[in-house]
Structures are given as C-alpha cells and as structure tokens.
Amino acid sequence: MDMALRKTFKYKLKPAPEQERVMAFVLRRCRELYNAALQERRDAWHKCGVSLTAASQSAQLPEIKDVRPEYRDIHSQVLQDVLARLDRAFQAFFRRVKAGG
C-alpha cells in the first residue's frame, strides 16, 4: 500500500488595524450573502417548490453587485465560494436525511 504523508503548517496572523477592518468587512458581507442565499432557497422551495443551485445563485452575483456596491470590493471567487459552501451544506443535510439521520 502506498501511504501518503500529509504535512500541515499553521500560521498565526498578525494583521495591522486596517487589515483587520478589511477582513471584518469581508466576513460580514460573506455572512450576509450566505444568510440571504439560504433564505432565498427556503422561500423558493416553500413558495414555488423549486430547488435553487449554487450555479443559479452565482449567476445573480453581478446584479447583486449593481444593487449593493459594497460587494464590488470583494473578489468574485470569494462570493462564489460562499454559495458553494451553502450548496455543500444543503447536499450534506439531504444526504443525512436520506440515510435516516
């Protein structure tokens, strides 16, 4: 058997005050996007019986940036990753439900 060795490194961040402010800003926007996307999925299911995907929600990001200019300062891949994490959480939830958990 071929055993792979996995190394990990742990770094302690020591951000400057301005960097801390920027990270907190991005974290708040990501949390806000996650919760809004979660609510959108719930509403779509309860009102229309439609399941939304990460791709369909990601397609709305340019419109969100038009309406909410504060999202323009956050890289698009960061916002897409938020929606991908929500999608994985949904998939894991339904996988557990299907397994009887």
PDB file of N, CA and C in Angstrom:
ATOM      1  N   MET A   1       0.829  -1.182   0.000  1.00  0.00           N
ATOM      2  CA  MET A   1       0.000   0.000   0.000  1.00  0.00           C
ATOM      3  C   MET A   1       0.872   1.243   0.000  1.00  0.00           C
ATOM      4  N   ASP A   2       0.486   2.196  -0.796  1.00  0.00           N
ATOM      5  CA  ASP A   2       1.225   3.443  -0.893  1.00  0.00           C
ATOM      6  C   ASP A   2       0.623   4.449   0.092  1.00  0.00           C
ATOM      7  N   MET A   3       1.351   4.756   1.146  1.00  0.00           N
ATOM      8  CA  MET A   3       0.872   5.686   2.165  1.00  0.00           C
ATOM      9  C   MET A   3       1.404   7.086   1.865  1.00  0.00           C
ATOM     10  N   ALA A   4       0.519   8.017   1.787  1.00  0.00           N
ATOM     11  CA  ALA A   4       0.920   9.397   1.537  1.00  0.00           C
ATOM     12  C   ALA A   4       1.081  10.123   2.868  1.00  0.00           C
ATOM     13  N   LEU A   5       2.086  10.922   2.952  1.00  0.00           N
ATOM     14  CA  LEU A   5       2.337  11.720   4.135  1.00  0.00           C
ATOM     15  C   LEU A   5       1.809  13.125   3.877  1.00  0.00           C
ATOM     16  N   ARG A   6       1.006  13.606   4.785  1.00  0.00           N
ATOM     17  CA  ARG A   6       0.421  14.930   4.617  1.00  0.00           C
ATOM     18  C   ARG A   6       0.981  15.849   5.692  1.00  0.00           C
ATOM     19  N   LYS A   7       1.605  16.928   5.263  1.00  0.00           N
ATOM     20  CA  LYS A   7       2.134  17.916   6.185  1.00  0.00           C
ATOM     21  C   LYS A   7       1.189  19.102   6.240  1.00  0.00           C
ATOM     22  N   THR A   8       1.054  19.652   7.400  1.00  0.00           N
ATOM     23  CA  THR A   8       0.269  20.872   7.533  1.00  0.00           C
ATOM     24  C   THR A   8       1.126  21.922   8.221  1.00  0.00           C
ATOM     25  N   PHE A   9       0.824  23.144   7.931  1.00  0.00           N
ATOM     26  CA  PHE A   9       1.519  24.259   8.548  1.00  0.00           C
ATOM     27  C   PHE A   9       0.474  25.167   9.172  1.00  0.00           C
ATOM     28  N   LYS A  10       0.802  25.728  10.300  1.00  0.00           N
ATOM     29  CA  LYS A  10      -0.105  26.622  10.998  1.00  0.00           C
ATOM     30  C   LYS A  10       0.597  27.969  11.145  1.00  0.00           C
ATOM     31  N   TYR A  11      -0.076  29.010  10.670  1.00  0.00           N
ATOM     32  CA  TYR A  11       0.482  30.351  10.746  1.00  0.00           C
ATOM     33  C   TYR A  11      -0.429  31.230  11.586  1.00  0.00           C
ATOM     34  N   LYS A  12       0.153  32.059  12.382  1.00  0.00           N
ATOM     35  CA  LYS A  12      -0.618  32.993  13.183  1.00  0.00           C
ATOM     36  C   LYS A  12      -0.640  34.335  12.452  1.00  0.00           C
ATOM     37  N   LEU A  13      -1.845  34.818  12.193  1.00  0.00           N
ATOM     38  CA  LEU A  13      -1.978  36.111  11.532  1.00  0.00           C
ATOM     39  C   LEU A  13      -1.809  37.232  12.535  1.00  0.00           C
ATOM     40  N   LYS A  14      -1.102  38.237  12.130  1.00  0.00           N
ATOM     41  CA  LYS A  14      -0.961  39.438  12.943  1.00  0.00           C
ATOM     42  C   LYS A  14      -1.269  40.638  12.046  1.00  0.00           C
ATOM     43  N   PRO A  15      -2.554  40.816  11.739  1.00  0.00           N
ATOM     44  CA  PRO A  15      -2.902  41.885  10.805  1.00  0.00           C
ATOM     45  C   PRO A  15      -2.780  43.272  11.446  1.00  0.00           C
ATOM     46  N   ALA A  16      -2.484  44.222  10.596  1.00  0.00           N
ATOM     47  CA  ALA A  16      -2.487  45.620  11.018  1.00  0.00           C
ATOM     48  C   ALA A  16      -3.942  46.030  11.237  1.00  0.00           C
ATOM     49  N   PRO A  17      -4.190  47.092  11.968  1.00  0.00           N
ATOM     50  CA  PRO A  17      -5.584  47.510  12.225  1.00  0.00           C
ATOM     51  C   PRO A  17      -6.416  47.684  10.957  1.00  0.00           C
ATOM     52  N   GLU A  18      -5.833  48.246   9.924  1.00  0.00           N
ATOM     53  CA  GLU A  18      -6.573  48.425   8.667  1.00  0.00           C
ATOM     54  C   GLU A  18      -6.892  47.073   8.028  1.00  0.00           C
ATOM     55  N   GLN A  19      -5.956  46.142   8.089  1.00  0.00           N
ATOM     56  CA  GLN A  19      -6.202  44.800   7.551  1.00  0.00           C
ATOM     57  C   GLN A  19      -7.304  44.103   8.333  1.00  0.00           C
ATOM     58  N   GLU A  20      -7.308  44.279   9.652  1.00  0.00           N
ATOM     59  CA  GLU A  20      -8.371  43.701  10.484  1.00  0.00           C
ATOM     60  C   GLU A  20      -9.730  44.255  10.077  1.00  0.00           C
ATOM     61  N   ARG A  21      -9.778  45.546   9.828  1.00  0.00           N
ATOM     62  CA  ARG A  21     -11.024  46.193   9.431  1.00  0.00           C
ATOM     63  C   ARG A  21     -11.529  45.631   8.108  1.00  0.00           C
ATOM     64  N   VAL A  22     -10.619  45.452   7.158  1.00  0.00           N
ATOM     65  CA  VAL A  22     -10.997  44.920   5.852  1.00  0.00           C
ATOM     66  C   VAL A  22     -11.472  43.472   5.980  1.00  0.00           C
ATOM     67  N   MET A  23     -10.776  42.659   6.768  1.00  0.00           N
ATOM     68  CA  MET A  23     -11.191  41.267   6.952  1.00  0.00           C
ATOM     69  C   MET A  23     -12.553  41.178   7.624  1.00  0.00           C
ATOM     70  N   ALA A  24     -12.803  42.039   8.596  1.00  0.00           N
ATOM     71  CA  ALA A  24     -14.109  42.048   9.268  1.00  0.00           C
ATOM     72  C   ALA A  24     -15.210  42.462   8.296  1.00  0.00           C
ATOM     73  N   PHE A  25     -14.911  43.421   7.427  1.00  0.00           N
ATOM     74  CA  PHE A  25     -15.870  43.868   6.421  1.00  0.00           C
ATOM     75  C   PHE A  25     -16.237  42.711   5.481  1.00  0.00           C
ATOM     76  N   VAL A  26     -15.217  42.014   4.983  1.00  0.00           N
ATOM     77  CA  VAL A  26     -15.452  40.897   4.063  1.00  0.00           C
ATOM     78  C   VAL A  26     -16.225  39.786   4.767  1.00  0.00           C
ATOM     79  N   LEU A  27     -15.875  39.492   5.996  1.00  0.00           N
ATOM     80  CA  LEU A  27     -16.569  38.454   6.753  1.00  0.00           C
ATOM     81  C   LEU A  27     -18.047  38.801   6.940  1.00  0.00           C
ATOM     82  N   ARG A  28     -18.340  40.062   7.272  1.00  0.00           N
ATOM     83  CA  ARG A  28     -19.749  40.476   7.424  1.00  0.00           C
ATOM     84  C   ARG A  28     -20.516  40.337   6.123  1.00  0.00           C
ATOM     85  N   ARG A  29     -19.909  40.745   5.018  1.00  0.00           N
ATOM     86  CA  ARG A  29     -20.592  40.647   3.715  1.00  0.00           C
ATOM     87  C   ARG A  29     -20.808  39.178   3.332  1.00  0.00           C
ATOM     88  N   CYS A  30     -19.822  38.327   3.602  1.00  0.00           N
ATOM     89  CA  CYS A  30     -19.964  36.902   3.275  1.00  0.00           C
ATOM     90  C   CYS A  30     -21.061  36.256   4.114  1.00  0.00           C
ATOM     91  N   ARG A  31     -21.103  36.597   5.377  1.00  0.00           N
ATOM     92  CA  ARG A  31     -22.160  36.066   6.253  1.00  0.00           C
ATOM     93  C   ARG A  31     -23.526  36.540   5.779  1.00  0.00           C
ATOM     94  N   GLU A  32     -23.607  37.801   5.396  1.00  0.00           N
ATOM     95  CA  GLU A  32     -24.854  38.367   4.893  1.00  0.00           C
ATOM     96  C   GLU A  32     -25.298  37.655   3.608  1.00  0.00           C
ATOM     97  N   LEU A  33     -24.342  37.402   2.699  1.00  0.00           N
ATOM     98  CA  LEU A  33     -24.655  36.709   1.450  1.00  0.00           C
ATOM     99  C   LEU A  33     -25.118  35.285   1.727  1.00  0.00           C
ATOM    100  N   TYR A  34     -24.434  34.583   2.617  1.00  0.00           N
ATOM    101  CA  TYR A  34     -24.796  33.201   2.960  1.00  0.00           C
ATOM    102  C   TYR A  34     -26.229  33.147   3.481  1.00  0.00           C
ATOM    103  N   ASN A  35     -26.539  34.024   4.433  1.00  0.00           N
ATOM    104  CA  ASN A  35     -27.876  34.025   5.019  1.00  0.00           C
ATOM    105  C   ASN A  35     -28.949  34.413   4.012  1.00  0.00           C
ATOM    106  N   ALA A  36     -28.646  35.376   3.145  1.00  0.00           N
ATOM    107  CA  ALA A  36     -29.607  35.785   2.114  1.00  0.00           C
ATOM    108  C   ALA A  36     -29.841  34.656   1.114  1.00  0.00           C
ATOM    109  N   ALA A  37     -28.771  33.968   0.724  1.00  0.00           N
ATOM    110  CA  ALA A  37     -28.911  32.856  -0.219  1.00  0.00           C
ATOM    111  C   ALA A  37     -29.682  31.702   0.418  1.00  0.00           C
ATOM    112  N   LEU A  38     -29.441  31.453   1.701  1.00  0.00           N
ATOM    113  CA  LEU A  38     -30.179  30.422   2.417  1.00  0.00           C
ATOM    114  C   LEU A  38     -31.669  30.771   2.451  1.00  0.00           C
ATOM    115  N   GLN A  39     -31.979  32.016   2.769  1.00  0.00           N
ATOM    116  CA  GLN A  39     -33.377  32.443   2.803  1.00  0.00           C
ATOM    117  C   GLN A  39     -34.024  32.346   1.425  1.00  0.00           C
ATOM    118  N   GLU A  40     -33.265  32.687   0.389  1.00  0.00           N
ATOM    119  CA  GLU A  40     -33.783  32.590  -0.976  1.00  0.00           C
ATOM    120  C   GLU A  40     -34.115  31.134  -1.327  1.00  0.00           C
ATOM    121  N   ARG A  41     -33.258  30.215  -0.922  1.00  0.00           N
ATOM    122  CA  ARG A  41     -33.521  28.791  -1.180  1.00  0.00           C
ATOM    123  C   ARG A  41     -34.767  28.324  -0.433  1.00  0.00           C
ATOM    124  N   ARG A  42     -34.897  28.729   0.823  1.00  0.00           N
ATOM    125  CA  ARG A  42     -36.088  28.352   1.600  1.00  0.00           C
ATOM    126  C   ARG A  42     -37.354  28.897   0.954  1.00  0.00           C
ATOM    127  N   ASP A  43     -37.328  30.182   0.605  1.00  0.00           N
ATOM    128  CA  ASP A  43     -38.506  30.814   0.001  1.00  0.00           C
ATOM    129  C   ASP A  43     -38.867  30.169  -1.329  1.00  0.00           C
ATOM    130  N   ALA A  44     -37.858  29.872  -2.154  1.00  0.00           N
ATOM    131  CA  ALA A  44     -38.117  29.260  -3.455  1.00  0.00           C
ATOM    132  C   ALA A  44     -38.784  27.900  -3.281  1.00  0.00           C
ATOM    133  N   TRP A  45     -38.356  27.155  -2.271  1.00  0.00           N
ATOM    134  CA  TRP A  45     -38.943  25.835  -2.052  1.00  0.00           C
ATOM    135  C   TRP A  45     -40.359  25.942  -1.480  1.00  0.00           C
ATOM    136  N   HIS A  46     -40.536  26.772  -0.467  1.00  0.00           N
ATOM    137  CA  HIS A  46     -41.842  26.882   0.185  1.00  0.00           C
ATOM    138  C   HIS A  46     -42.895  27.523  -0.705  1.00  0.00           C
ATOM    139  N   LYS A  47     -42.503  28.515  -1.489  1.00  0.00           N
ATOM    140  CA  LYS A  47     -43.480  29.241  -2.306  1.00  0.00           C
ATOM    141  C   LYS A  47     -43.703  28.622  -3.680  1.00  0.00           C
ATOM    142  N   CYS A  48     -42.640  28.053  -4.269  1.00  0.00           N
ATOM    143  CA  CYS A  48     -42.744  27.569  -5.652  1.00  0.00           C
ATOM    144  C   CYS A  48     -42.389  26.094  -5.816  1.00  0.00           C
ATOM    145  N   GLY A  49     -41.857  25.452  -4.780  1.00  0.00           N
ATOM    146  CA  GLY A  49     -41.431  24.058  -4.898  1.00  0.00           C
ATOM    147  C   GLY A  49     -40.219  23.885  -5.796  1.00  0.00           C
ATOM    148  N   VAL A  50     -39.382  24.930  -5.883  1.00  0.00           N
ATOM    149  CA  VAL A  50     -38.218  24.931  -6.756  1.00  0.00           C
ATOM    150  C   VAL A  50     -36.947  24.848  -5.918  1.00  0.00           C
ATOM    151  N   SER A  51     -36.000  24.012  -6.348  1.00  0.00           N
ATOM    152  CA  SER A  51     -34.702  23.926  -5.683  1.00  0.00           C
ATOM    153  C   SER A  51     -33.699  24.795  -6.430  1.00  0.00           C
ATOM    154  N   LEU A  52     -33.058  25.688  -5.725  1.00  0.00           N
ATOM    155  CA  LEU A  52     -32.031  26.527  -6.327  1.00  0.00           C
ATOM    156  C   LEU A  52     -30.670  25.861  -6.171  1.00  0.00           C
ATOM    157  N   THR A  53     -29.779  26.160  -7.091  1.00  0.00           N
ATOM    158  CA  THR A  53     -28.420  25.615  -7.045  1.00  0.00           C
ATOM    159  C   THR A  53     -27.423  26.746  -6.837  1.00  0.00           C
ATOM    160  N   ALA A  54     -26.195  26.365  -6.534  1.00  0.00           N
ATOM    161  CA  ALA A  54     -25.132  27.358  -6.389  1.00  0.00           C
ATOM    162  C   ALA A  54     -24.918  28.086  -7.710  1.00  0.00           C
ATOM    163  N   ALA A  55     -25.029  27.372  -8.820  1.00  0.00           N
ATOM    164  CA  ALA A  55     -24.829  27.996 -10.135  1.00  0.00           C
ATOM    165  C   ALA A  55     -25.895  29.047 -10.409  1.00  0.00           C
ATOM    166  N   SER A  56     -27.145  28.728 -10.102  1.00  0.00           N
ATOM    167  CA  SER A  56     -28.212  29.697 -10.363  1.00  0.00           C
ATOM    168  C   SER A  56     -28.071  30.921  -9.458  1.00  0.00           C
ATOM    169  N   GLN A  57     -27.617  30.707  -8.228  1.00  0.00           N
ATOM    170  CA  GLN A  57     -27.428  31.841  -7.334  1.00  0.00           C
ATOM    171  C   GLN A  57     -26.167  32.629  -7.698  1.00  0.00           C
ATOM    172  N   SER A  58     -25.139  31.952  -8.167  1.00  0.00           N
ATOM    173  CA  SER A  58     -23.923  32.647  -8.594  1.00  0.00           C
ATOM    174  C   SER A  58     -24.190  33.544  -9.802  1.00  0.00           C
ATOM    175  N   ALA A  59     -25.110  33.125 -10.638  1.00  0.00           N
ATOM    176  CA  ALA A  59     -25.447  33.928 -11.809  1.00  0.00           C
ATOM    177  C   ALA A  59     -26.062  35.272 -11.413  1.00  0.00           C
ATOM    178  N   GLN A  60     -26.557  35.372 -10.199  1.00  0.00           N
ATOM    179  CA  GLN A  60     -27.163  36.617  -9.720  1.00  0.00           C
ATOM    180  C   GLN A  60     -26.139  37.580  -9.122  1.00  0.00           C
ATOM    181  N   LEU A  61     -24.910  37.146  -8.933  1.00  0.00           N
ATOM    182  CA  LEU A  61     -23.906  37.985  -8.275  1.00  0.00           C
ATOM    183  C   LEU A  61     -23.654  39.320  -8.991  1.00  0.00           C
ATOM    184  N   PRO A  62     -23.584  39.371 -10.329  1.00  0.00           N
ATOM    185  CA  PRO A  62     -23.395  40.681 -10.968  1.00  0.00           C
ATOM    186  C   PRO A  62     -24.537  41.658 -10.657  1.00  0.00           C
ATOM    187  N   GLU A  63     -25.755  41.146 -10.599  1.00  0.00           N
ATOM    188  CA  GLU A  63     -26.888  42.010 -10.266  1.00  0.00           C
ATOM    189  C   GLU A  63     -26.808  42.471  -8.816  1.00  0.00           C
ATOM    190  N   ILE A  64     -26.369  41.586  -7.933  1.00  0.00           N
ATOM    191  CA  ILE A  64     -26.221  41.944  -6.527  1.00  0.00           C
ATOM    192  C   ILE A  64     -25.184  43.056  -6.387  1.00  0.00           C
ATOM    193  N   LYS A  65     -24.088  42.944  -7.142  1.00  0.00           N
ATOM    194  CA  LYS A  65     -23.048  43.976  -7.084  1.00  0.00           C
ATOM    195  C   LYS A  65     -23.555  45.317  -7.610  1.00  0.00           C
ATOM    196  N   ASP A  66     -24.508  45.293  -8.548  1.00  0.00           N
ATOM    197  CA  ASP A  66     -25.087  46.541  -9.043  1.00  0.00           C
ATOM    198  C   ASP A  66     -25.952  47.202  -7.974  1.00  0.00           C
ATOM    199  N   VAL A  67     -26.724  46.383  -7.268  1.00  0.00           N
ATOM    200  CA  VAL A  67     -27.638  46.905  -6.252  1.00  0.00           C
ATOM    201  C   VAL A  67     -26.900  47.240  -4.961  1.00  0.00           C
ATOM    202  N   ARG A  68     -25.923  46.420  -4.606  1.00  0.00           N
ATOM    203  CA  ARG A  68     -25.174  46.590  -3.356  1.00  0.00           C
ATOM    204  C   ARG A  68     -23.698  46.841  -3.685  1.00  0.00           C
ATOM    205  N   PRO A  69     -23.307  48.096  -3.872  1.00  0.00           N
ATOM    206  CA  PRO A  69     -21.933  48.412  -4.300  1.00  0.00           C
ATOM    207  C   PRO A  69     -20.835  47.914  -3.357  1.00  0.00           C
ATOM    208  N   GLU A  70     -21.156  47.683  -2.075  1.00  0.00           N
ATOM    209  CA  GLU A  70     -20.120  47.207  -1.150  1.00  0.00           C
ATOM    210  C   GLU A  70     -19.603  45.824  -1.531  1.00  0.00           C
ATOM    211  N   TYR A  71     -20.369  45.071  -2.313  1.00  0.00           N
ATOM    212  CA  TYR A  71     -19.922  43.746  -2.759  1.00  0.00           C
ATOM    213  C   TYR A  71     -18.922  43.836  -3.910  1.00  0.00           C
ATOM    214  N   ARG A  72     -18.802  44.995  -4.535  1.00  0.00           N
ATOM    215  CA  ARG A  72     -17.849  45.151  -5.645  1.00  0.00           C
ATOM    216  C   ARG A  72     -16.407  45.037  -5.171  1.00  0.00           C
ATOM    217  N   ASP A  73     -16.166  45.367  -3.905  1.00  0.00           N
ATOM    218  CA  ASP A  73     -14.807  45.329  -3.366  1.00  0.00           C
ATOM    219  C   ASP A  73     -14.353  43.925  -2.986  1.00  0.00           C
ATOM    220  N   ILE A  74     -15.248  42.950  -3.073  1.00  0.00           N
ATOM    221  CA  ILE A  74     -14.919  41.570  -2.706  1.00  0.00           C
ATOM    222  C   ILE A  74     -14.749  40.763  -3.987  1.00  0.00           C
ATOM    223  N   HIS A  75     -13.668  40.022  -4.075  1.00  0.00           N
ATOM    224  CA  HIS A  75     -13.380  39.236  -5.279  1.00  0.00           C
ATOM    225  C   HIS A  75     -14.522  38.255  -5.558  1.00  0.00           C
ATOM    226  N   SER A  76     -14.840  38.095  -6.825  1.00  0.00           N
ATOM    227  CA  SER A  76     -15.983  37.256  -7.215  1.00  0.00           C
ATOM    228  C   SER A  76     -15.833  35.807  -6.761  1.00  0.00           C
ATOM    229  N   GLN A  77     -14.605  35.284  -6.749  1.00  0.00           N
ATOM    230  CA  GLN A  77     -14.416  33.892  -6.337  1.00  0.00           C
ATOM    231  C   GLN A  77     -14.720  33.694  -4.856  1.00  0.00           C
ATOM    232  N   VAL A  78     -14.504  34.717  -4.057  1.00  0.00           N
ATOM    233  CA  VAL A  78     -14.829  34.640  -2.634  1.00  0.00           C
ATOM    234  C   VAL A  78     -16.345  34.502  -2.484  1.00  0.00           C
ATOM    235  N   LEU A  79     -17.091  35.324  -3.223  1.00  0.00           N
ATOM    236  CA  LEU A  79     -18.546  35.273  -3.149  1.00  0.00           C
ATOM    237  C   LEU A  79     -19.083  33.953  -3.706  1.00  0.00           C
ATOM    238  N   GLN A  80     -18.480  33.463  -4.783  1.00  0.00           N
ATOM    239  CA  GLN A  80     -18.892  32.178  -5.352  1.00  0.00           C
ATOM    240  C   GLN A  80     -18.629  31.043  -4.371  1.00  0.00           C
ATOM    241  N   ASP A  81     -17.523  31.138  -3.632  1.00  0.00           N
ATOM    242  CA  ASP A  81     -17.203  30.101  -2.651  1.00  0.00           C
ATOM    243  C   ASP A  81     -18.226  30.076  -1.515  1.00  0.00           C
ATOM    244  N   VAL A  82     -18.727  31.240  -1.130  1.00  0.00           N
ATOM    245  CA  VAL A  82     -19.772  31.296  -0.099  1.00  0.00           C
ATOM    246  C   VAL A  82     -20.989  30.500  -0.562  1.00  0.00           C
ATOM    247  N   LEU A  83     -21.380  30.703  -1.811  1.00  0.00           N
ATOM    248  CA  LEU A  83     -22.547  29.994  -2.340  1.00  0.00           C
ATOM    249  C   LEU A  83     -22.261  28.501  -2.523  1.00  0.00           C
ATOM    250  N   ALA A  84     -21.026  28.163  -2.851  1.00  0.00           N
ATOM    251  CA  ALA A  84     -20.653  26.748  -2.984  1.00  0.00           C
ATOM    252  C   ALA A  84     -20.696  26.057  -1.621  1.00  0.00           C
ATOM    253  N   ARG A  85     -20.260  26.761  -0.556  1.00  0.00           N
ATOM    254  CA  ARG A  85     -20.322  26.183   0.789  1.00  0.00           C
ATOM    255  C   ARG A  85     -21.762  25.961   1.228  1.00  0.00           C
ATOM    256  N   LEU A  86     -22.637  26.893   0.895  1.00  0.00           N
ATOM    257  CA  LEU A  86     -24.061  26.718   1.201  1.00  0.00           C
ATOM    258  C   LEU A  86     -24.607  25.505   0.463  1.00  0.00           C
ATOM    259  N   ASP A  87     -24.224  25.350  -0.791  1.00  0.00           N
ATOM    260  CA  ASP A  87     -24.690  24.215  -1.588  1.00  0.00           C
ATOM    261  C   ASP A  87     -24.203  22.892  -0.991  1.00  0.00           C
ATOM    262  N   ARG A  88     -22.945  22.846  -0.559  1.00  0.00           N
ATOM    263  CA  ARG A  88     -22.420  21.626   0.070  1.00  0.00           C
ATOM    264  C   ARG A  88     -23.144  21.330   1.370  1.00  0.00           C
ATOM    265  N   ALA A  89     -23.476  22.367   2.132  1.00  0.00           N
ATOM    266  CA  ALA A  89     -24.218  22.164   3.381  1.00  0.00           C
ATOM    267  C   ALA A  89     -25.594  21.574   3.083  1.00  0.00           C
ATOM    268  N   PHE A  90     -26.261  22.060   2.043  1.00  0.00           N
ATOM    269  CA  PHE A  90     -27.561  21.516   1.654  1.00  0.00           C
ATOM    270  C   PHE A  90     -27.434  20.063   1.222  1.00  0.00           C
ATOM    271  N   GLN A  91     -26.441  19.766   0.398  1.00  0.00           N
ATOM    272  CA  GLN A  91     -26.245  18.389  -0.066  1.00  0.00           C
ATOM    273  C   GLN A  91     -25.981  17.452   1.106  1.00  0.00           C
ATOM    274  N   ALA A  92     -25.159  17.869   2.045  1.00  0.00           N
ATOM    275  CA  ALA A  92     -24.856  17.031   3.209  1.00  0.00           C
ATOM    276  C   ALA A  92     -26.099  16.829   4.065  1.00  0.00           C
ATOM    277  N   PHE A  93     -26.905  17.875   4.229  1.00  0.00           N
ATOM    278  CA  PHE A  93     -28.135  17.769   5.003  1.00  0.00           C
ATOM    279  C   PHE A  93     -29.075  16.737   4.387  1.00  0.00           C
ATOM    280  N   PHE A  94     -29.308  16.857   3.075  1.00  0.00           N
ATOM    281  CA  PHE A  94     -30.241  15.930   2.431  1.00  0.00           C
ATOM    282  C   PHE A  94     -29.687  14.506   2.362  1.00  0.00           C
ATOM    283  N   ARG A  95     -28.360  14.387   2.299  1.00  0.00           N
ATOM    284  CA  ARG A  95     -27.742  13.054   2.330  1.00  0.00           C
ATOM    285  C   ARG A  95     -27.998  12.394   3.692  1.00  0.00           C
ATOM    286  N   ARG A  96     -27.873  13.182   4.770  1.00  0.00           N
ATOM    287  CA  ARG A  96     -28.146  12.646   6.108  1.00  0.00           C
ATOM    288  C   ARG A  96     -29.622  12.308   6.285  1.00  0.00           C
ATOM    289  N   VAL A  97     -30.506  13.154   5.765  1.00  0.00           N
ATOM    290  CA  VAL A  97     -31.948  12.888   5.864  1.00  0.00           C
ATOM    291  C   VAL A  97     -32.286  11.592   5.130  1.00  0.00           C
ATOM    292  N   LYS A  98     -31.709  11.437   3.955  1.00  0.00           N
ATOM    293  CA  LYS A  98     -31.976  10.230   3.152  1.00  0.00           C
ATOM    294  C   LYS A  98     -31.482   8.975   3.860  1.00  0.00           C
ATOM    295  N   ALA A  99     -30.376   9.116   4.602  1.00  0.00           N
ATOM    296  CA  ALA A  99     -29.813   7.977   5.322  1.00  0.00           C
ATOM    297  C   ALA A  99     -30.538   7.716   6.640  1.00  0.00           C
ATOM    298  N   GLY A 100     -31.515   8.559   6.953  1.00  0.00           N
ATOM    299  CA  GLY A 100     -32.281   8.362   8.156  1.00  0.00           C
ATOM    300  C   GLY A 100     -31.722   9.047   9.383  1.00  0.00           C
ATOM    301  N   GLY A 101     -30.808   9.972   9.168  1.00  0.00           N
ATOM    302  CA  GLY A 101     -30.166  10.654  10.293  1.00  0.00           C
ATOM    303  C   GLY A 101     -30.928  11.857  10.782  1.00  0.00           C
TER     304      GLY A 101
END
